[in-house]
C-alpha atoms as a PDB file:
ATOM      1  CA  MET A   1       0.000   0.000   0.000  1.00  0.00           C
ATOM      2  CA  MET A   2       1.259   3.455  -0.901  1.00  0.00           C
ATOM      3  CA  LYS A   3       2.119   5.398   2.245  1.00  0.00           C
ATOM      4  CA  VAL A   4       0.247   8.666   2.749  1.00  0.00           C
ATOM      5  CA  ASN A   5       2.378  11.712   3.581  1.00  0.00           C
ATOM      6  CA  ILE A   6       0.448  13.212   6.506  1.00  0.00           C
ATOM      7  CA  LEU A   7       1.385  16.857   7.141  1.00  0.00           C
ATOM      8  CA  TYR A   8      -1.008  17.424  10.051  1.00  0.00           C
ATOM      9  CA  GLU A   9      -3.709  15.559  11.934  1.00  0.00           C
ATOM     10  CA  ASP A  10      -5.992  16.112  14.928  1.00  0.00           C
ATOM     11  CA  ASN A  11      -9.482  14.930  15.889  1.00  0.00           C
ATOM     12  CA  HIS A  12     -11.167  17.169  13.323  1.00  0.00           C
ATOM     13  CA  VAL A  13      -8.962  17.550  10.245  1.00  0.00           C
ATOM     14  CA  LEU A  14      -6.212  15.781   8.364  1.00  0.00           C
ATOM     15  CA  VAL A  15      -3.836  17.470   5.916  1.00  0.00           C
ATOM     16  CA  ALA A  16      -2.007  15.275   3.415  1.00  0.00           C
ATOM     17  CA  GLU A  17       0.071  15.538   0.270  1.00  0.00           C
ATOM     18  CA  LYS A  18      -1.605  14.151  -2.838  1.00  0.00           C
ATOM     19  CA  PRO A  19       1.018  12.434  -4.990  1.00  0.00           C
ATOM     20  CA  ILE A  20       1.061  13.240  -8.701  1.00  0.00           C
ATOM     21  CA  ASN A  21      -1.105  10.929 -10.843  1.00  0.00           C
ATOM     22  CA  VAL A  22      -3.182   9.782  -7.856  1.00  0.00           C
ATOM     23  CA  LEU A  23      -6.924  10.484  -7.906  1.00  0.00           C
ATOM     24  CA  SER A  24      -8.419  12.740  -5.229  1.00  0.00           C
ATOM     25  CA  GLN A  25     -11.397  10.372  -5.018  1.00  0.00           C
ATOM     26  CA  SER A  26     -12.375   7.175  -6.824  1.00  0.00           C
ATOM     27  CA  ASP A  27     -13.721   7.178 -10.362  1.00  0.00           C
ATOM     28  CA  ASN A  28     -14.667   4.547 -12.937  1.00  0.00           C
ATOM     29  CA  THR A  29     -11.009   3.584 -13.464  1.00  0.00           C
ATOM     30  CA  LYS A  30     -11.026   2.019  -9.967  1.00  0.00           C
ATOM     31  CA  ASP A  31      -7.420   3.235  -9.552  1.00  0.00           C
ATOM     32  CA  LYS A  32      -6.159   4.007  -6.052  1.00  0.00           C
ATOM     33  CA  ASP A  33      -7.325   7.382  -4.745  1.00  0.00           C
ATOM     34  CA  LEU A  34      -6.182   9.575  -1.868  1.00  0.00           C
ATOM     35  CA  LEU A  35      -9.556   9.631  -0.083  1.00  0.00           C
ATOM     36  CA  THR A  36      -9.536   5.828   0.180  1.00  0.00           C
ATOM     37  CA  MET A  37      -5.888   5.850   1.258  1.00  0.00           C
ATOM     38  CA  VAL A  38      -6.647   8.343   4.053  1.00  0.00           C
ATOM     39  CA  LYS A  39      -9.574   6.213   5.239  1.00  0.00           C
ATOM     40  CA  GLU A  40      -7.345   3.128   5.281  1.00  0.00           C
ATOM     41  CA  TYR A  41      -4.659   5.037   7.194  1.00  0.00           C
ATOM     42  CA  ILE A  42      -7.156   6.134   9.892  1.00  0.00           C
ATOM     43  CA  LYS A  43      -8.755   2.694  10.097  1.00  0.00           C
ATOM     44  CA  GLU A  44      -5.370   1.038  10.602  1.00  0.00           C
ATOM     45  CA  LYS A  45      -3.883   3.654  12.953  1.00  0.00           C
ATOM     46  CA  TYR A  46      -6.849   3.756  15.323  1.00  0.00           C
ATOM     47  CA  GLN A  47      -8.004   0.135  14.799  1.00  0.00           C
ATOM     48  CA  LYS A  48     -11.478   1.336  13.841  1.00  0.00           C
ATOM     49  CA  PRO A  49     -14.077  -1.295  12.908  1.00  0.00           C
ATOM     50  CA  GLY A  50     -16.487  -0.737  10.028  1.00  0.00           C
ATOM     51  CA  ASN A  51     -16.527   2.313   7.788  1.00  0.00           C
ATOM     52  CA  VAL A  52     -14.392   5.346   8.584  1.00  0.00           C
ATOM     53  CA  TYR A  53     -15.769   8.837   7.990  1.00  0.00           C
ATOM     54  CA  VAL A  54     -13.538  11.170   5.984  1.00  0.00           C
ATOM     55  CA  GLY A  55     -15.036  14.216   4.302  1.00  0.00           C
ATOM     56  CA  LEU A  56     -13.683  15.338   0.926  1.00  0.00           C
ATOM     57  CA  VAL A  57     -14.036  19.131   0.780  1.00  0.00           C
ATOM     58  CA  HIS A  58     -11.939  19.959  -2.317  1.00  0.00           C
ATOM     59  CA  ARG A  59     -10.088  18.180  -5.135  1.00  0.00           C
ATOM     60  CA  LEU A  60      -6.981  18.336  -7.277  1.00  0.00           C
ATOM     61  CA  ASP A  61      -6.790  17.088 -10.865  1.00  0.00           C
ATOM     62  CA  ARG A  62      -5.283  13.616 -11.116  1.00  0.00           C
ATOM     63  CA  PRO A  63      -1.932  14.689 -12.659  1.00  0.00           C
ATOM     64  CA  VAL A  64      -1.523  17.551 -10.143  1.00  0.00           C
ATOM     65  CA  GLY A  65       0.186  16.949  -6.798  1.00  0.00           C
ATOM     66  CA  GLY A  66      -0.067  19.036  -3.679  1.00  0.00           C
ATOM     67  CA  ILE A  67      -1.672  19.728  -0.325  1.00  0.00           C
ATOM     68  CA  MET A  68      -5.244  18.714   0.500  1.00  0.00           C
ATOM     69  CA  VAL A  69      -7.278  18.978   3.702  1.00  0.00           C
ATOM     70  CA  PHE A  70      -9.804  16.316   4.713  1.00  0.00           C
ATOM     71  CA  ALA A  71     -12.479  16.497   7.405  1.00  0.00           C
ATOM     72  CA  LYS A  72     -12.614  13.783  10.059  1.00  0.00           C
ATOM     73  CA  THR A  73     -16.082  14.792  11.306  1.00  0.00           C
ATOM     74  CA  SER A  74     -19.246  15.929   9.528  1.00  0.00           C
ATOM     75  CA  LYS A  75     -19.177  19.204  11.472  1.00  0.00           C
ATOM     76  CA  ALA A  76     -15.632  19.917  10.266  1.00  0.00           C
ATOM     77  CA  ALA A  77     -16.670  19.022   6.695  1.00  0.00           C
ATOM     78  CA  THR A  78     -19.562  21.486   6.799  1.00  0.00           C
ATOM     79  CA  ARG A  79     -17.405  24.294   8.168  1.00  0.00           C
ATOM     80  CA  LEU A  80     -14.515  23.693   5.750  1.00  0.00           C
ATOM     81  CA  SER A  81     -16.925  23.484   2.806  1.00  0.00           C
ATOM     82  CA  LYS A  82     -18.386  26.832   3.853  1.00  0.00           C
ATOM     83  CA  GLN A  83     -14.891  28.361   3.925  1.00  0.00           C
ATOM     84  CA  ILE A  84     -14.295  27.083   0.398  1.00  0.00           C
ATOM     85  CA  SER A  85     -17.621  28.377  -0.942  1.00  0.00           C
ATOM     86  CA  GLN A  86     -16.873  31.781   0.586  1.00  0.00           C
ATOM     87  CA  HIS A  87     -13.295  31.771  -0.806  1.00  0.00           C
ATOM     88  CA  GLN A  88     -11.797  31.902   2.696  1.00  0.00           C
ATOM     89  CA  ILE A  89      -9.417  28.992   2.167  1.00  0.00           C
ATOM     90  CA  LYS A  90      -6.242  30.273   0.531  1.00  0.00           C
ATOM     91  CA  LYS A  91      -4.706  27.981  -2.071  1.00  0.00           C
ATOM     92  CA  TYR A  92      -1.527  28.878  -3.913  1.00  0.00           C
ATOM     93  CA  TYR A  93       0.014  26.913  -6.750  1.00  0.00           C
ATOM     94  CA  LEU A  94       3.436  26.785  -8.344  1.00  0.00           C
ATOM     95  CA  ALA A  95       3.572  26.269 -12.086  1.00  0.00           C
ATOM     96  CA  ILE A  96       6.190  26.248 -14.821  1.00  0.00           C
ATOM     97  CA  VAL A  97       4.922  27.586 -18.120  1.00  0.00           C
ATOM     98  CA  GLN A  98       6.247  27.711 -21.658  1.00  0.00           C
ATOM     99  CA  GLY A  99       7.728  31.025 -22.725  1.00  0.00           C
ATOM    100  CA  ILE A 100       8.912  34.065 -20.795  1.00  0.00           C
ATOM    101  CA  ILE A 101       6.200  36.110 -19.070  1.00  0.00           C
ATOM    102  CA  LYS A 102       7.405  39.702 -19.189  1.00  0.00           C
ATOM    103  CA  GLU A 103       5.094  41.200 -16.546  1.00  0.00           C
ATOM    104  CA  ASP A 104       6.142  40.527 -12.942  1.00  0.00           C
ATOM    105  CA  LYS A 105       2.513  40.260 -11.824  1.00  0.00           C
ATOM    106  CA  GLY A 106      -0.809  39.987 -13.550  1.00  0.00           C
ATOM    107  CA  THR A 107      -4.427  38.850 -13.536  1.00  0.00           C
ATOM    108  CA  TYR A 108      -6.226  36.579 -15.988  1.00  0.00           C
ATOM    109  CA  HIS A 109      -9.982  37.105 -16.234  1.00  0.00           C
ATOM    110  CA  ASP A 110     -11.758  34.829 -18.691  1.00  0.00           C
ATOM    111  CA  LYS A 111     -14.942  32.781 -19.005  1.00  0.00           C
ATOM    112  CA  ILE A 112     -14.639  28.994 -18.940  1.00  0.00           C
ATOM    113  CA  LYS A 113     -17.220  26.525 -20.199  1.00  0.00           C
ATOM    114  CA  ARG A 114     -17.055  22.857 -19.240  1.00  0.00           C
ATOM    115  CA  LEU A 115     -17.730  20.453 -22.105  1.00  0.00           C
ATOM    116  CA  SER A 116     -19.404  17.044 -22.004  1.00  0.00           C
ATOM    117  CA  ASN A 117     -16.181  15.333 -23.158  1.00  0.00           C
ATOM    118  CA  GLY A 118     -14.307  16.210 -19.940  1.00  0.00           C
ATOM    119  CA  ASN A 119     -12.448  19.215 -21.349  1.00  0.00           C
ATOM    120  CA  SER A 120     -13.143  22.892 -20.764  1.00  0.00           C
ATOM    121  CA  VAL A 121     -12.756  25.878 -23.102  1.00  0.00           C
ATOM    122  CA  ILE A 122     -12.631  29.657 -23.004  1.00  0.00           C
ATOM    123  CA  SER A 123     -16.118  30.751 -24.050  1.00  0.00           C
ATOM    124  CA  GLU A 124     -18.411  33.737 -23.635  1.00  0.00           C
ATOM    125  CA  GLU A 125     -21.035  31.179 -22.617  1.00  0.00           C
ATOM    126  CA  GLY A 126     -18.880  30.089 -19.667  1.00  0.00           C
ATOM    127  CA  LYS A 127     -18.524  31.145 -16.058  1.00  0.00           C
ATOM    128  CA  ASP A 128     -16.123  33.805 -14.767  1.00  0.00           C
ATOM    129  CA  ALA A 129     -12.598  32.495 -14.158  1.00  0.00           C
ATOM    130  CA  LEU A 130     -10.194  34.707 -12.255  1.00  0.00           C
ATOM    131  CA  LEU A 131      -6.631  34.164 -11.075  1.00  0.00           C
ATOM    132  CA  ASP A 132      -3.646  36.262 -10.044  1.00  0.00           C
ATOM    133  CA  TYR A 133      -0.084  35.292 -10.877  1.00  0.00           C
ATOM    134  CA  GLU A 134       3.365  36.434  -9.806  1.00  0.00           C
ATOM    135  CA  VAL A 135       6.556  35.615 -11.695  1.00  0.00           C
ATOM    136  CA  LEU A 136       9.113  34.056  -9.339  1.00  0.00           C
ATOM    137  CA  GLU A 137      11.867  33.164 -11.789  1.00  0.00           C
ATOM    138  CA  ARG A 138      12.587  33.211 -15.514  1.00  0.00           C
ATOM    139  CA  ASN A 139      14.819  30.707 -17.299  1.00  0.00           C
ATOM    140  CA  GLU A 140      15.883  32.374 -20.539  1.00  0.00           C
ATOM    141  CA  LYS A 141      17.981  29.351 -21.513  1.00  0.00           C
ATOM    142  CA  THR A 142      15.024  26.939 -21.558  1.00  0.00           C
ATOM    143  CA  ASN A 143      12.406  29.621 -22.339  1.00  0.00           C
ATOM    144  CA  LYS A 144      10.275  28.851 -19.276  1.00  0.00           C
ATOM    145  CA  THR A 145       8.802  30.852 -16.391  1.00  0.00           C
ATOM    146  CA  LEU A 146       8.134  29.795 -12.790  1.00  0.00           C
ATOM    147  CA  VAL A 147       4.973  31.416 -11.450  1.00  0.00           C
ATOM    148  CA  LYS A 148       2.992  31.517  -8.209  1.00  0.00           C
ATOM    149  CA  ILE A 149      -0.766  31.422  -8.740  1.00  0.00           C
ATOM    150  CA  ALA A 150      -3.641  32.464  -6.498  1.00  0.00           C
ATOM    151  CA  LEU A 151      -6.974  31.068  -7.654  1.00  0.00           C
ATOM    152  CA  LYS A 152      -9.893  33.436  -7.158  1.00  0.00           C
ATOM    153  CA  THR A 153     -12.443  31.024  -8.652  1.00  0.00           C
ATOM    154  CA  GLY A 154     -12.443  27.241  -8.931  1.00  0.00           C
ATOM    155  CA  ARG A 155     -13.328  26.344 -12.495  1.00  0.00           C
ATOM    156  CA  HIS A 156     -12.617  22.981 -14.089  1.00  0.00           C
ATOM    157  CA  HIS A 157      -8.964  22.853 -15.295  1.00  0.00           C
ATOM    158  CA  GLN A 158      -8.863  26.621 -14.748  1.00  0.00           C
ATOM    159  CA  ILE A 159      -5.115  27.224 -14.382  1.00  0.00           C
ATOM    160  CA  ARG A 160      -4.259  24.949 -17.280  1.00  0.00           C
ATOM    161  CA  ILE A 161      -6.802  26.515 -19.640  1.00  0.00           C
ATOM    162  CA  GLN A 162      -6.137  30.140 -18.784  1.00  0.00           C
ATOM    163  CA  PHE A 163      -2.361  29.987 -19.168  1.00  0.00           C
ATOM    164  CA  ALA A 164      -2.736  28.067 -22.437  1.00  0.00           C
ATOM    165  CA  ALA A 165      -5.218  30.680 -23.671  1.00  0.00           C
ATOM    166  CA  HIS A 166      -2.741  33.441 -22.831  1.00  0.00           C
ATOM    167  CA  SER A 167       0.026  31.745 -24.868  1.00  0.00           C
ATOM    168  CA  HIS A 168       1.851  30.212 -21.891  1.00  0.00           C
ATOM    169  CA  PRO A 169       0.699  26.582 -21.616  1.00  0.00           C
ATOM    170  CA  LEU A 170       1.893  24.639 -18.599  1.00  0.00           C
ATOM    171  CA  CYS A 171       4.923  22.443 -19.176  1.00  0.00           C
ATOM    172  CA  GLY A 172       3.945  18.791 -19.309  1.00  0.00           C
ATOM    173  CA  ASP A 173       0.227  19.498 -19.805  1.00  0.00           C
ATOM    174  CA  GLN A 174      -0.762  16.667 -22.132  1.00  0.00           C
ATOM    175  CA  ARG A 175      -4.296  18.008 -22.569  1.00  0.00           C
ATOM    176  CA  TYR A 176      -4.009  21.751 -23.123  1.00  0.00           C
ATOM    177  CA  GLY A 177      -0.305  22.239 -23.775  1.00  0.00           C
ATOM    178  CA  ILE A 178       2.505  20.841 -25.869  1.00  0.00           C
ATOM    179  CA  GLU A 179       2.757  17.090 -25.473  1.00  0.00           C
ATOM    180  CA  ASP A 180       6.198  16.325 -24.088  1.00  0.00           C
ATOM    181  CA  LYS A 181       5.622  13.123 -22.034  1.00  0.00           C
ATOM    182  CA  THR A 182       6.695  14.730 -18.746  1.00  0.00           C
ATOM    183  CA  GLN A 183       4.621  15.310 -15.611  1.00  0.00           C
ATOM    184  CA  ILE A 184       2.557  18.474 -15.611  1.00  0.00           C
ATOM    185  CA  ALA A 185       4.452  21.268 -13.841  1.00  0.00           C
ATOM    186  CA  LEU A 186       1.617  22.340 -11.537  1.00  0.00           C
ATOM    187  CA  TYR A 187       1.661  21.829  -7.785  1.00  0.00           C
ATOM    188  CA  ALA A 188      -0.634  22.986  -4.966  1.00  0.00           C
ATOM    189  CA  TYR A 189       2.153  24.001  -2.608  1.00  0.00           C
ATOM    190  CA  HIS A 190       0.408  26.314  -0.079  1.00  0.00           C
ATOM    191  CA  LEU A 191      -2.829  25.760   1.846  1.00  0.00           C
ATOM    192  CA  GLU A 192      -4.184  28.108   4.512  1.00  0.00           C
ATOM    193  CA  PHE A 193      -7.456  27.755   6.387  1.00  0.00           C
ATOM    194  CA  VAL A 194      -9.200  28.457   9.683  1.00  0.00           C
ATOM    195  CA  HIS A 195      -9.419  25.365  11.881  1.00  0.00           C
ATOM    196  CA  PRO A 196     -13.115  24.376  12.049  1.00  0.00           C
ATOM    197  CA  THR A 197     -13.200  24.182  15.871  1.00  0.00           C
ATOM    198  CA  THR A 198     -10.202  26.003  17.365  1.00  0.00           C
ATOM    199  CA  LYS A 199     -10.520  28.887  14.855  1.00  0.00           C
ATOM    200  CA  LYS A 200      -6.731  29.076  14.591  1.00  0.00           C
ATOM    201  CA  ILE A 201      -5.233  29.815  11.173  1.00  0.00           C
ATOM    202  CA  LEU A 202      -3.306  26.801   9.917  1.00  0.00           C
ATOM    203  CA  ILE A 203      -0.720  27.238   7.142  1.00  0.00           C
ATOM    204  CA  PHE A 204       1.004  24.429   5.238  1.00  0.00           C
ATOM    205  CA  GLU A 205       3.620  24.456   2.479  1.00  0.00           C
ATOM    206  CA  GLN A 206       5.200  21.602   0.579  1.00  0.00           C
ATOM    207  CA  LEU A 207       7.845  21.486  -2.140  1.00  0.00           C
ATOM    208  CA  PRO A 208       6.997  19.780  -5.441  1.00  0.00           C
ATOM    209  CA  PRO A 209       9.048  16.656  -6.244  1.00  0.00           C
ATOM    210  CA  LYS A 210      12.336  17.545  -7.903  1.00  0.00           C
ATOM    211  CA  ILE A 211      11.633  15.922 -11.270  1.00  0.00           C
ATOM    212  CA  ASP A 212      11.309  16.990 -14.894  1.00  0.00           C
ATOM    213  CA  HIS A 213      10.852  20.770 -15.298  1.00  0.00           C
ATOM    214  CA  TRP A 214      11.149  21.457 -11.556  1.00  0.00           C
ATOM    215  CA  THR A 215      14.879  20.705 -11.706  1.00  0.00           C
ATOM    216  CA  GLU A 216      15.416  23.819 -13.855  1.00  0.00           C
ATOM    217  CA  PHE A 217      14.461  26.252 -11.059  1.00  0.00           C
ATOM    218  CA  THR A 218      15.522  26.876  -7.452  1.00  0.00           C
ATOM    219  CA  VAL A 219      11.994  26.269  -6.176  1.00  0.00           C
ATOM    220  CA  SER A 220      13.065  25.823  -2.540  1.00  0.00           C
ATOM    221  CA  ARG A 221      13.866  29.527  -2.128  1.00  0.00           C
ATOM    222  CA  TYR A 222      10.152  30.359  -2.545  1.00  0.00           C
ATOM    223  CA  VAL A 223       8.724  27.793  -0.128  1.00  0.00           C
ATOM    224  CA  GLN A 224       8.997  28.186   3.647  1.00  0.00           C
END
């Protein structure tokens, strides 16, 4: 069994790192998913009989790794879900994109429409999609840019679509970018939320695995 990297745990919440290419929750492929792995971890650690409750309050795309928070009680799930719906949970991503972004900071505001085939597109018929980005490092030699991204909305494949639409597709994005057989260079590295019972602000950061495009940048200098 794949070992879950637990970053934090108490009676109410559990924060874990989702490995790249692992599902957030099960789908029709029946491949291993992080939600099931967390349930198995809790069941084994605390010797719990029967079903274990773990609430899934947000997701990451299968190819994207990073930090996720799970609820261990229904009350925590309700309160965390409310924070997400009210945009109170802060999620920051690191991404490496094709080309050199000249502006040090910027905002992308588009409309994204989800299609029946599992893809999404920029369309006037879509819903508002808003994100802020900050350039952390430029690699002129490889013609790539490392950016920090703050999502303001949570549309399907939002980061991937918006950067591709603005002529800077994510490196390794097999769906919306240039097919190069590497892992997508997108990682949910920072998660910040209010604890559902103690009301303390909890902040977590995690470095992406040093593979593929990530080896071309000194990512560690930007993560606490």
